[in-house]
């Protein structure tokens, strides 16, 4: 599934299952993933008001989605003020996540970037019931993680080995295990308040 950039959109995509990403490609073939979407996320709710996207959306895993026509969103937001506020919150939360990713790309070390991503996904998947025990399924490749964190595949491999040997987290077989949640958060300087979870997380 791909939602192309700069094409007028007439619906928004609600992700029911799987992982989508927002990304931009450079002319030399390099790709930067700018956010991951998990179950329960609107991947492109902002296209309701912007009318087209300035980036592409694609699936990283098999996904189930619901397409919500913008005409229906218009009617819903005009009739139900509470839902309108919920959709507004969703777009504001997207912006908060983007700001945190920008800090990672600009200032965090390679180790902290990967730790940050693992911490964020733990919390986002936890609130939709997709964390079991000490971990969660993440059927992504190391190349996908590299494109999320602005690193090379070699750097990601090195960081994951470091996190494993340090007893903080493992990522293999499509599953992440958080071995030391507090320690991993400390490496990432992770503060979950930017996710507006409504609890202490």
N, C-alpha and C. Protein backbone atom coordinates (compact mmCIF):
# COMPACT_ATOMS: atom_id res chain seq x y z
N UNK A 1 0.84 -1.19 0.00
CA UNK A 1 0.00 0.00 0.00
C UNK A 1 0.87 1.23 0.00
N UNK A 2 0.61 2.15 -0.92
CA UNK A 2 1.33 3.42 -0.95
C UNK A 2 0.34 4.55 -1.19
N UNK A 3 0.42 5.59 -0.37
CA UNK A 3 -0.33 6.82 -0.59
C UNK A 3 0.69 7.84 -1.09
N UNK A 4 0.56 8.31 -2.33
CA UNK A 4 1.59 9.16 -2.92
C UNK A 4 1.50 10.61 -2.47
N UNK A 5 2.65 11.27 -2.52
CA UNK A 5 2.72 12.70 -2.20
C UNK A 5 2.17 13.53 -3.35
N UNK A 6 1.66 14.70 -3.01
CA UNK A 6 1.26 15.74 -3.96
C UNK A 6 0.16 15.27 -4.92
N UNK A 7 -0.64 14.34 -4.47
CA UNK A 7 -1.84 13.91 -5.20
C UNK A 7 -3.03 14.24 -4.31
N UNK A 8 -4.05 14.88 -4.87
CA UNK A 8 -5.21 15.27 -4.08
C UNK A 8 -5.84 14.04 -3.45
N UNK A 9 -6.06 14.11 -2.14
CA UNK A 9 -6.63 12.98 -1.40
C UNK A 9 -8.11 13.24 -1.11
N UNK A 10 -8.90 12.20 -1.23
CA UNK A 10 -10.34 12.31 -0.96
C UNK A 10 -10.77 11.47 0.23
N UNK A 11 -9.79 10.82 0.87
CA UNK A 11 -10.08 10.02 2.06
C UNK A 11 -8.84 10.03 2.96
N UNK A 12 -9.04 9.68 4.22
CA UNK A 12 -7.93 9.47 5.14
C UNK A 12 -7.90 8.00 5.55
N UNK A 13 -6.70 7.54 5.89
CA UNK A 13 -6.45 6.12 6.11
C UNK A 13 -6.30 5.82 7.60
N UNK A 14 -7.20 5.02 8.13
CA UNK A 14 -7.13 4.57 9.53
C UNK A 14 -6.51 3.18 9.55
N UNK A 15 -5.41 3.04 10.27
CA UNK A 15 -4.71 1.77 10.33
C UNK A 15 -5.34 0.87 11.39
N UNK A 16 -5.79 -0.29 10.98
CA UNK A 16 -6.42 -1.25 11.89
C UNK A 16 -5.43 -2.27 12.42
N UNK A 17 -4.44 -2.61 11.59
CA UNK A 17 -3.47 -3.64 11.99
C UNK A 17 -2.25 -3.50 11.10
N UNK A 18 -1.07 -3.70 11.69
CA UNK A 18 0.17 -3.61 10.93
C UNK A 18 0.92 -2.33 11.22
N UNK A 19 1.93 -2.06 10.39
CA UNK A 19 2.75 -0.86 10.55
C UNK A 19 2.87 -0.14 9.21
N UNK A 20 2.50 1.12 9.22
CA UNK A 20 2.70 2.02 8.09
C UNK A 20 3.81 3.00 8.44
N UNK A 21 4.36 3.64 7.43
CA UNK A 21 5.33 4.70 7.70
C UNK A 21 5.10 5.87 6.77
N UNK A 22 5.48 7.04 7.25
CA UNK A 22 5.57 8.24 6.43
C UNK A 22 7.02 8.40 6.04
N UNK A 23 7.31 8.76 4.81
CA UNK A 23 8.69 8.86 4.39
C UNK A 23 8.85 9.84 3.24
N UNK A 24 10.10 10.25 3.04
CA UNK A 24 10.47 11.06 1.89
C UNK A 24 11.74 10.48 1.28
N UNK A 25 11.79 10.45 -0.04
CA UNK A 25 12.96 9.96 -0.77
C UNK A 25 13.74 11.13 -1.35
N UNK A 26 15.06 10.98 -1.37
CA UNK A 26 15.92 11.92 -2.07
C UNK A 26 16.23 11.39 -3.46
N UNK A 27 16.74 12.26 -4.32
CA UNK A 27 17.02 11.85 -5.71
C UNK A 27 18.08 10.77 -5.80
N UNK A 28 18.96 10.70 -4.80
CA UNK A 28 20.02 9.69 -4.85
C UNK A 28 19.57 8.34 -4.29
N UNK A 29 18.27 8.24 -3.97
CA UNK A 29 17.73 6.96 -3.50
C UNK A 29 17.69 6.80 -2.00
N UNK A 30 18.25 7.75 -1.25
CA UNK A 30 18.18 7.66 0.20
C UNK A 30 16.76 7.96 0.67
N UNK A 31 16.36 7.28 1.70
CA UNK A 31 15.01 7.43 2.25
C UNK A 31 15.09 7.80 3.73
N UNK A 32 14.21 8.71 4.14
CA UNK A 32 14.07 9.03 5.55
C UNK A 32 12.64 8.75 5.97
N UNK A 33 12.47 7.81 6.89
CA UNK A 33 11.16 7.57 7.49
C UNK A 33 10.96 8.62 8.58
N UNK A 34 9.84 9.31 8.53
CA UNK A 34 9.61 10.42 9.46
C UNK A 34 8.66 10.07 10.59
N UNK A 35 7.94 8.96 10.47
CA UNK A 35 7.11 8.48 11.58
C UNK A 35 6.60 7.09 11.25
N UNK A 36 6.42 6.29 12.27
CA UNK A 36 5.76 5.00 12.14
C UNK A 36 4.33 5.12 12.65
N UNK A 37 3.41 4.49 11.95
CA UNK A 37 2.02 4.43 12.40
C UNK A 37 1.70 3.02 12.83
N UNK A 38 1.02 2.90 13.97
CA UNK A 38 0.63 1.60 14.52
C UNK A 38 -0.90 1.53 14.57
N UNK A 39 -1.42 0.37 14.92
CA UNK A 39 -2.86 0.15 14.94
C UNK A 39 -3.56 1.25 15.74
N UNK A 40 -4.62 1.79 15.15
CA UNK A 40 -5.38 2.85 15.79
C UNK A 40 -5.02 4.24 15.31
N UNK A 41 -3.91 4.36 14.57
CA UNK A 41 -3.48 5.66 14.06
C UNK A 41 -4.16 5.98 12.73
N UNK A 42 -4.49 7.25 12.53
CA UNK A 42 -4.74 7.76 11.19
C UNK A 42 -3.38 8.08 10.57
N UNK A 43 -3.11 7.48 9.43
CA UNK A 43 -1.82 7.71 8.78
C UNK A 43 -1.74 9.07 8.11
N UNK A 44 -2.88 9.61 7.73
CA UNK A 44 -2.88 10.83 6.92
C UNK A 44 -4.10 11.69 7.19
N UNK A 45 -4.47 11.81 8.46
CA UNK A 45 -5.64 12.61 8.80
C UNK A 45 -5.45 14.06 8.37
N UNK A 46 -4.21 14.53 8.36
CA UNK A 46 -3.93 15.91 7.97
C UNK A 46 -4.29 16.21 6.52
N UNK A 47 -4.43 15.16 5.70
CA UNK A 47 -4.84 15.40 4.31
C UNK A 47 -6.29 15.89 4.22
N UNK A 48 -7.04 15.70 5.31
CA UNK A 48 -8.42 16.21 5.36
C UNK A 48 -8.45 17.73 5.20
N UNK A 49 -7.50 18.40 5.85
CA UNK A 49 -7.46 19.86 5.74
C UNK A 49 -6.44 20.34 4.71
N UNK A 50 -5.33 19.61 4.55
CA UNK A 50 -4.31 20.05 3.60
C UNK A 50 -4.62 19.65 2.16
N UNK A 51 -5.47 18.63 2.00
CA UNK A 51 -5.94 18.13 0.69
C UNK A 51 -4.94 17.23 -0.03
N UNK A 52 -3.64 17.43 0.18
CA UNK A 52 -2.66 16.48 -0.34
C UNK A 52 -1.52 16.38 0.65
N UNK A 53 -0.69 15.35 0.50
CA UNK A 53 0.42 15.10 1.40
C UNK A 53 1.72 15.58 0.77
N UNK A 54 2.63 16.07 1.61
CA UNK A 54 3.94 16.47 1.12
C UNK A 54 4.97 15.35 1.31
N UNK A 55 4.47 14.15 1.56
CA UNK A 55 5.31 12.97 1.77
C UNK A 55 4.51 11.76 1.31
N UNK A 56 5.18 10.62 1.28
CA UNK A 56 4.51 9.37 0.91
C UNK A 56 4.20 8.56 2.16
N UNK A 57 3.23 7.66 2.03
CA UNK A 57 2.87 6.71 3.08
C UNK A 57 2.94 5.31 2.49
N UNK A 58 3.59 4.39 3.18
CA UNK A 58 3.63 3.01 2.68
C UNK A 58 3.60 2.03 3.84
N UNK A 59 3.21 0.81 3.51
CA UNK A 59 3.15 -0.25 4.51
C UNK A 59 4.52 -0.90 4.63
N UNK A 60 4.93 -1.15 5.87
CA UNK A 60 6.17 -1.88 6.13
C UNK A 60 5.89 -3.34 6.46
N UNK A 61 4.63 -3.64 6.81
CA UNK A 61 4.19 -5.00 7.10
C UNK A 61 2.82 -5.18 6.44
N UNK A 62 2.30 -6.40 6.37
CA UNK A 62 0.91 -6.55 5.93
C UNK A 62 -0.01 -5.73 6.83
N UNK A 63 -0.94 -5.00 6.23
CA UNK A 63 -1.79 -4.08 6.99
C UNK A 63 -3.25 -4.26 6.63
N UNK A 64 -4.11 -3.93 7.58
CA UNK A 64 -5.54 -3.75 7.32
C UNK A 64 -5.86 -2.30 7.60
N UNK A 65 -6.57 -1.66 6.69
CA UNK A 65 -6.88 -0.25 6.86
C UNK A 65 -8.36 -0.01 6.58
N UNK A 66 -8.85 1.11 7.08
CA UNK A 66 -10.19 1.59 6.75
C UNK A 66 -10.01 2.96 6.09
N UNK A 67 -10.65 3.15 4.96
CA UNK A 67 -10.58 4.42 4.25
C UNK A 67 -11.81 5.25 4.62
N UNK A 68 -11.56 6.43 5.17
CA UNK A 68 -12.65 7.29 5.64
C UNK A 68 -12.75 8.48 4.69
N UNK A 69 -13.84 8.57 3.91
CA UNK A 69 -13.97 9.68 2.95
C UNK A 69 -13.95 11.03 3.66
N UNK A 70 -13.33 11.99 3.04
CA UNK A 70 -13.26 13.33 3.64
C UNK A 70 -14.65 13.95 3.77
N UNK A 71 -15.57 13.60 2.88
CA UNK A 71 -16.95 14.09 3.03
C UNK A 71 -17.54 13.60 4.35
N UNK A 72 -17.24 12.34 4.71
CA UNK A 72 -17.75 11.80 5.97
C UNK A 72 -17.08 12.48 7.15
N UNK A 73 -15.77 12.74 7.06
CA UNK A 73 -15.08 13.45 8.13
C UNK A 73 -15.64 14.86 8.30
N UNK A 74 -15.97 15.50 7.20
CA UNK A 74 -16.57 16.83 7.27
C UNK A 74 -17.88 16.79 8.05
N UNK A 75 -18.74 15.81 7.70
CA UNK A 75 -20.03 15.69 8.37
C UNK A 75 -19.86 15.35 9.85
N UNK A 76 -18.93 14.45 10.16
CA UNK A 76 -18.71 14.04 11.54
C UNK A 76 -18.22 15.21 12.38
N UNK A 77 -17.25 15.97 11.86
CA UNK A 77 -16.69 17.06 12.65
C UNK A 77 -17.69 18.20 12.84
N UNK A 78 -18.58 18.38 11.88
CA UNK A 78 -19.59 19.42 12.04
C UNK A 78 -20.69 19.02 13.01
N UNK A 79 -20.95 17.73 13.09
CA UNK A 79 -22.06 17.26 13.92
C UNK A 79 -21.63 16.90 15.33
N UNK A 80 -20.42 16.39 15.48
CA UNK A 80 -19.97 15.88 16.78
C UNK A 80 -18.71 16.62 17.22
N UNK A 81 -18.87 17.60 18.08
CA UNK A 81 -17.75 18.44 18.51
C UNK A 81 -16.67 17.62 19.22
N UNK A 82 -17.09 16.61 19.99
CA UNK A 82 -16.11 15.82 20.74
C UNK A 82 -15.21 15.03 19.78
N UNK A 83 -15.78 14.47 18.71
CA UNK A 83 -14.96 13.76 17.74
C UNK A 83 -14.04 14.73 17.00
N UNK A 84 -14.53 15.93 16.73
CA UNK A 84 -13.68 16.93 16.08
C UNK A 84 -12.46 17.23 16.94
N UNK A 85 -12.68 17.35 18.26
CA UNK A 85 -11.56 17.60 19.17
C UNK A 85 -10.61 16.40 19.22
N UNK A 86 -11.16 15.19 19.12
CA UNK A 86 -10.32 13.99 19.11
C UNK A 86 -9.43 13.97 17.87
N UNK A 87 -9.99 14.31 16.72
CA UNK A 87 -9.20 14.35 15.49
C UNK A 87 -8.14 15.44 15.57
N UNK A 88 -8.49 16.56 16.18
CA UNK A 88 -7.53 17.65 16.36
C UNK A 88 -6.40 17.20 17.27
N UNK A 89 -6.75 16.50 18.36
CA UNK A 89 -5.73 15.95 19.25
C UNK A 89 -4.79 15.02 18.48
N UNK A 90 -5.35 14.18 17.62
CA UNK A 90 -4.55 13.23 16.86
C UNK A 90 -3.50 13.94 16.00
N UNK A 91 -3.89 15.00 15.33
CA UNK A 91 -2.93 15.72 14.49
C UNK A 91 -1.90 16.46 15.35
N UNK A 92 -2.31 16.97 16.51
CA UNK A 92 -1.36 17.60 17.41
C UNK A 92 -0.36 16.59 17.97
N UNK A 93 -0.84 15.38 18.25
CA UNK A 93 0.05 14.32 18.74
C UNK A 93 1.07 13.95 17.67
N UNK A 94 0.62 13.88 16.41
CA UNK A 94 1.56 13.64 15.31
C UNK A 94 2.69 14.67 15.33
N UNK A 95 2.32 15.92 15.52
CA UNK A 95 3.32 16.99 15.52
C UNK A 95 4.30 16.81 16.69
N UNK A 96 3.79 16.39 17.85
CA UNK A 96 4.66 16.17 19.01
C UNK A 96 5.66 15.04 18.73
N UNK A 97 5.18 13.98 18.10
CA UNK A 97 6.07 12.86 17.76
C UNK A 97 7.12 13.30 16.75
N UNK A 98 6.70 14.08 15.76
CA UNK A 98 7.66 14.59 14.77
C UNK A 98 8.74 15.44 15.42
N UNK A 99 8.36 16.27 16.40
CA UNK A 99 9.36 17.09 17.08
C UNK A 99 10.38 16.22 17.81
N UNK A 100 9.90 15.16 18.45
CA UNK A 100 10.83 14.28 19.18
C UNK A 100 11.76 13.56 18.22
N UNK A 101 11.22 13.12 17.07
CA UNK A 101 12.08 12.48 16.07
C UNK A 101 13.10 13.46 15.52
N UNK A 102 12.71 14.72 15.38
CA UNK A 102 13.65 15.74 14.89
C UNK A 102 14.81 15.91 15.86
N UNK A 103 14.50 15.91 17.16
CA UNK A 103 15.57 16.00 18.16
C UNK A 103 16.51 14.80 18.04
N UNK A 104 15.94 13.62 17.85
CA UNK A 104 16.78 12.42 17.69
C UNK A 104 17.72 12.57 16.49
N UNK A 105 17.16 12.95 15.36
CA UNK A 105 17.97 13.04 14.14
C UNK A 105 19.04 14.12 14.25
N UNK A 106 18.73 15.20 14.97
CA UNK A 106 19.66 16.31 15.03
C UNK A 106 20.67 16.24 16.14
N UNK A 107 20.31 15.62 17.29
CA UNK A 107 21.16 15.74 18.47
C UNK A 107 21.49 14.45 19.19
N UNK A 108 20.66 13.43 19.11
CA UNK A 108 20.93 12.21 19.89
C UNK A 108 22.03 11.37 19.22
N UNK A 109 22.74 10.65 20.05
CA UNK A 109 23.73 9.70 19.55
C UNK A 109 23.01 8.54 18.86
N UNK A 110 23.77 7.75 18.12
CA UNK A 110 23.19 6.58 17.46
C UNK A 110 22.53 5.65 18.48
N UNK A 111 23.20 5.42 19.58
CA UNK A 111 22.67 4.53 20.63
C UNK A 111 21.37 5.09 21.19
N UNK A 112 21.34 6.39 21.44
CA UNK A 112 20.15 7.02 22.00
C UNK A 112 19.00 7.04 21.00
N UNK A 113 19.31 7.21 19.71
CA UNK A 113 18.25 7.22 18.69
C UNK A 113 17.50 5.89 18.66
N UNK A 114 18.25 4.80 18.63
CA UNK A 114 17.61 3.49 18.56
C UNK A 114 16.87 3.21 19.87
N UNK A 115 17.48 3.54 21.00
CA UNK A 115 16.81 3.34 22.29
C UNK A 115 15.52 4.14 22.35
N UNK A 116 15.54 5.37 21.83
CA UNK A 116 14.36 6.22 21.82
C UNK A 116 13.24 5.57 21.01
N UNK A 117 13.57 5.06 19.83
CA UNK A 117 12.58 4.41 18.99
C UNK A 117 11.96 3.21 19.69
N UNK A 118 12.78 2.39 20.33
CA UNK A 118 12.27 1.21 21.02
C UNK A 118 11.38 1.59 22.20
N UNK A 119 11.77 2.65 22.93
CA UNK A 119 10.95 3.12 24.06
C UNK A 119 9.61 3.67 23.57
N UNK A 120 9.66 4.48 22.53
CA UNK A 120 8.42 5.07 22.02
C UNK A 120 7.45 4.00 21.55
N UNK A 121 7.94 3.04 20.79
CA UNK A 121 7.06 1.99 20.28
C UNK A 121 6.49 1.15 21.41
N UNK A 122 7.28 0.91 22.46
CA UNK A 122 6.76 0.16 23.60
C UNK A 122 5.52 0.86 24.16
N UNK A 123 5.59 2.18 24.35
CA UNK A 123 4.46 2.91 24.92
C UNK A 123 3.28 2.99 23.96
N UNK A 124 3.55 3.25 22.70
CA UNK A 124 2.45 3.39 21.73
C UNK A 124 1.74 2.05 21.50
N UNK A 125 2.50 0.97 21.48
CA UNK A 125 1.88 -0.35 21.30
C UNK A 125 1.22 -0.83 22.58
N UNK A 126 1.75 -0.42 23.71
CA UNK A 126 1.14 -0.80 25.00
C UNK A 126 -0.28 -0.27 25.12
N UNK A 127 -0.51 0.98 24.71
CA UNK A 127 -1.84 1.56 24.91
C UNK A 127 -2.88 0.97 23.96
N UNK A 128 -2.44 0.25 22.92
CA UNK A 128 -3.41 -0.43 22.05
C UNK A 128 -3.37 -1.94 22.26
N UNK A 129 -2.77 -2.36 23.38
CA UNK A 129 -2.82 -3.77 23.77
C UNK A 129 -1.91 -4.69 23.00
N UNK A 130 -0.84 -4.17 22.41
CA UNK A 130 0.04 -4.99 21.59
C UNK A 130 1.40 -5.26 22.23
N UNK A 131 1.53 -4.94 23.53
CA UNK A 131 2.71 -5.33 24.30
C UNK A 131 2.34 -6.54 25.14
N UNK A 132 3.16 -7.57 25.07
CA UNK A 132 2.94 -8.77 25.89
C UNK A 132 4.21 -9.05 26.67
N UNK A 133 4.05 -9.21 27.97
CA UNK A 133 5.22 -9.45 28.81
C UNK A 133 6.16 -8.26 28.76
N UNK A 134 7.41 -8.53 28.38
CA UNK A 134 8.41 -7.48 28.38
C UNK A 134 8.71 -6.96 26.97
N UNK A 135 7.83 -7.26 26.01
CA UNK A 135 8.15 -6.84 24.65
C UNK A 135 6.99 -6.78 23.70
N UNK A 136 7.33 -6.64 22.44
CA UNK A 136 6.31 -6.48 21.40
C UNK A 136 6.88 -6.96 20.06
N UNK A 137 5.96 -7.35 19.18
CA UNK A 137 6.37 -7.75 17.85
C UNK A 137 6.70 -6.52 17.02
N UNK A 138 7.81 -6.59 16.30
CA UNK A 138 8.23 -5.50 15.43
C UNK A 138 8.87 -6.13 14.18
N UNK A 139 8.02 -6.55 13.23
CA UNK A 139 8.54 -7.25 12.06
C UNK A 139 9.16 -6.32 11.02
N UNK A 140 10.14 -5.53 11.47
CA UNK A 140 10.87 -4.63 10.59
C UNK A 140 12.29 -5.15 10.40
N UNK A 141 12.94 -4.69 9.36
CA UNK A 141 14.34 -5.03 9.12
C UNK A 141 15.24 -3.98 9.79
N UNK A 142 16.51 -4.32 9.91
CA UNK A 142 17.46 -3.33 10.41
C UNK A 142 17.57 -2.16 9.45
N UNK A 143 17.34 -2.40 8.16
CA UNK A 143 17.34 -1.30 7.19
C UNK A 143 16.19 -0.34 7.46
N UNK A 144 15.02 -0.88 7.85
CA UNK A 144 13.88 -0.01 8.22
C UNK A 144 14.24 0.84 9.42
N UNK A 145 14.86 0.22 10.43
CA UNK A 145 15.25 0.96 11.63
C UNK A 145 16.27 2.04 11.26
N UNK A 146 17.17 1.72 10.35
CA UNK A 146 18.17 2.71 9.91
C UNK A 146 17.48 3.91 9.26
N UNK A 147 16.44 3.65 8.46
CA UNK A 147 15.74 4.75 7.80
C UNK A 147 14.89 5.56 8.77
N UNK A 148 14.52 4.97 9.89
CA UNK A 148 13.81 5.72 10.93
C UNK A 148 14.75 6.62 11.71
N UNK A 149 15.98 6.17 11.89
CA UNK A 149 16.91 6.84 12.80
C UNK A 149 18.00 7.64 12.10
N UNK A 150 18.01 7.62 10.76
CA UNK A 150 19.02 8.36 10.02
C UNK A 150 20.41 7.78 10.16
N UNK A 151 20.48 6.46 10.38
CA UNK A 151 21.76 5.78 10.55
C UNK A 151 22.00 4.82 9.39
N UNK A 152 23.18 4.27 9.32
CA UNK A 152 23.46 3.21 8.36
C UNK A 152 23.05 1.87 8.97
N UNK A 153 22.87 0.88 8.11
CA UNK A 153 22.55 -0.45 8.60
C UNK A 153 23.64 -0.99 9.51
N UNK A 154 24.88 -0.69 9.19
CA UNK A 154 26.01 -1.14 10.01
C UNK A 154 25.93 -0.52 11.41
N UNK A 155 25.60 0.77 11.46
CA UNK A 155 25.49 1.44 12.76
C UNK A 155 24.36 0.86 13.60
N UNK A 156 23.21 0.59 12.95
CA UNK A 156 22.08 0.00 13.67
C UNK A 156 22.46 -1.36 14.24
N UNK A 157 23.14 -2.17 13.43
CA UNK A 157 23.56 -3.49 13.89
C UNK A 157 24.48 -3.37 15.10
N UNK A 158 25.39 -2.41 15.07
CA UNK A 158 26.33 -2.20 16.17
C UNK A 158 25.58 -1.76 17.43
N UNK A 159 24.63 -0.84 17.25
CA UNK A 159 23.88 -0.34 18.41
C UNK A 159 23.03 -1.45 19.02
N UNK A 160 22.36 -2.23 18.20
CA UNK A 160 21.53 -3.32 18.72
C UNK A 160 22.38 -4.33 19.49
N UNK A 161 23.57 -4.60 18.98
CA UNK A 161 24.48 -5.50 19.71
C UNK A 161 24.87 -4.90 21.05
N UNK A 162 25.14 -3.60 21.06
CA UNK A 162 25.51 -2.90 22.28
C UNK A 162 24.37 -2.93 23.30
N UNK A 163 23.14 -2.70 22.83
CA UNK A 163 21.99 -2.73 23.74
C UNK A 163 21.77 -4.14 24.30
N UNK A 164 21.99 -5.15 23.45
CA UNK A 164 21.83 -6.53 23.91
C UNK A 164 22.91 -6.88 24.94
N UNK A 165 24.17 -6.56 24.63
CA UNK A 165 25.26 -6.90 25.53
C UNK A 165 25.20 -6.10 26.83
N UNK A 166 24.56 -4.92 26.77
CA UNK A 166 24.40 -4.12 27.97
C UNK A 166 23.19 -4.52 28.79
N UNK A 167 22.46 -5.55 28.35
CA UNK A 167 21.32 -6.04 29.11
C UNK A 167 20.13 -5.09 29.09
N UNK A 168 20.03 -4.28 28.03
CA UNK A 168 18.95 -3.30 27.96
C UNK A 168 17.78 -3.76 27.09
N UNK A 169 18.07 -4.28 25.90
CA UNK A 169 17.00 -4.69 24.98
C UNK A 169 17.57 -5.63 23.93
N UNK A 170 16.69 -6.45 23.38
CA UNK A 170 17.06 -7.29 22.24
C UNK A 170 16.05 -7.08 21.13
N UNK A 171 16.51 -7.25 19.90
CA UNK A 171 15.65 -7.15 18.72
C UNK A 171 16.08 -8.21 17.73
N UNK A 172 15.36 -9.32 17.73
CA UNK A 172 15.64 -10.36 16.75
C UNK A 172 14.39 -11.19 16.51
N UNK A 173 14.33 -11.82 15.36
CA UNK A 173 13.17 -12.62 15.00
C UNK A 173 11.90 -11.81 14.94
N UNK A 174 12.01 -10.52 14.66
CA UNK A 174 10.82 -9.68 14.55
C UNK A 174 10.18 -9.34 15.89
N UNK A 175 10.95 -9.47 16.97
CA UNK A 175 10.40 -9.15 18.28
C UNK A 175 11.42 -8.34 19.10
N UNK A 176 10.90 -7.34 19.80
CA UNK A 176 11.70 -6.53 20.71
C UNK A 176 11.40 -6.96 22.14
N UNK A 177 12.45 -7.18 22.91
CA UNK A 177 12.30 -7.43 24.36
C UNK A 177 13.02 -6.31 25.10
N UNK A 178 12.32 -5.66 26.00
CA UNK A 178 12.92 -4.63 26.84
C UNK A 178 13.37 -5.30 28.13
N UNK A 179 14.67 -5.45 28.29
CA UNK A 179 15.23 -6.17 29.44
C UNK A 179 15.38 -5.27 30.65
N UNK A 180 15.67 -4.01 30.41
CA UNK A 180 15.86 -3.03 31.49
C UNK A 180 15.18 -1.74 31.04
N UNK A 181 13.90 -1.59 31.39
CA UNK A 181 13.11 -0.46 30.89
C UNK A 181 13.68 0.87 31.37
N UNK A 182 14.02 0.96 32.64
CA UNK A 182 14.57 2.21 33.17
C UNK A 182 15.92 2.53 32.55
N UNK A 183 16.74 1.51 32.38
CA UNK A 183 18.05 1.73 31.77
C UNK A 183 17.96 2.19 30.34
N UNK A 184 17.03 1.58 29.57
CA UNK A 184 16.86 1.97 28.18
C UNK A 184 16.34 3.40 28.08
N UNK A 185 15.41 3.75 28.98
CA UNK A 185 14.90 5.13 29.00
C UNK A 185 16.01 6.11 29.31
N UNK A 186 16.91 5.73 30.21
CA UNK A 186 18.01 6.62 30.57
C UNK A 186 18.93 6.86 29.38
N UNK A 187 19.22 5.81 28.63
CA UNK A 187 20.07 5.95 27.43
C UNK A 187 19.42 6.92 26.44
N UNK A 188 18.09 6.78 26.25
CA UNK A 188 17.36 7.58 25.27
C UNK A 188 17.01 8.98 25.77
N UNK A 189 17.13 9.19 27.08
CA UNK A 189 16.56 10.39 27.72
C UNK A 189 15.07 10.49 27.35
N UNK A 190 14.41 9.35 27.50
CA UNK A 190 13.01 9.21 27.08
C UNK A 190 12.07 9.72 28.16
N UNK A 191 11.24 10.68 27.80
CA UNK A 191 10.20 11.21 28.68
C UNK A 191 8.86 11.03 27.95
N UNK A 192 8.02 10.09 28.41
CA UNK A 192 6.80 9.75 27.65
C UNK A 192 5.75 10.84 27.63
N UNK A 193 5.98 11.96 28.30
CA UNK A 193 4.95 12.99 28.35
C UNK A 193 4.62 13.55 26.97
N UNK A 194 5.56 13.48 26.01
CA UNK A 194 5.25 14.00 24.67
C UNK A 194 4.22 13.15 23.93
N UNK A 195 3.96 11.94 24.46
CA UNK A 195 2.95 11.07 23.86
C UNK A 195 1.55 11.31 24.44
N UNK A 196 1.45 12.14 25.48
CA UNK A 196 0.16 12.53 26.07
C UNK A 196 -0.69 11.30 26.37
N UNK A 197 -0.10 10.38 27.14
CA UNK A 197 -0.76 9.11 27.42
C UNK A 197 -1.83 9.21 28.49
N UNK A 198 -1.81 10.25 29.27
CA UNK A 198 -2.82 10.41 30.30
C UNK A 198 -2.53 9.63 31.56
N UNK A 199 -1.33 9.01 31.65
CA UNK A 199 -0.89 8.34 32.86
C UNK A 199 0.61 8.52 32.98
N UNK A 200 1.18 7.91 33.98
CA UNK A 200 2.61 8.10 34.22
C UNK A 200 3.48 7.26 33.30
N UNK A 201 2.86 6.29 32.61
CA UNK A 201 3.60 5.39 31.71
C UNK A 201 4.81 4.80 32.39
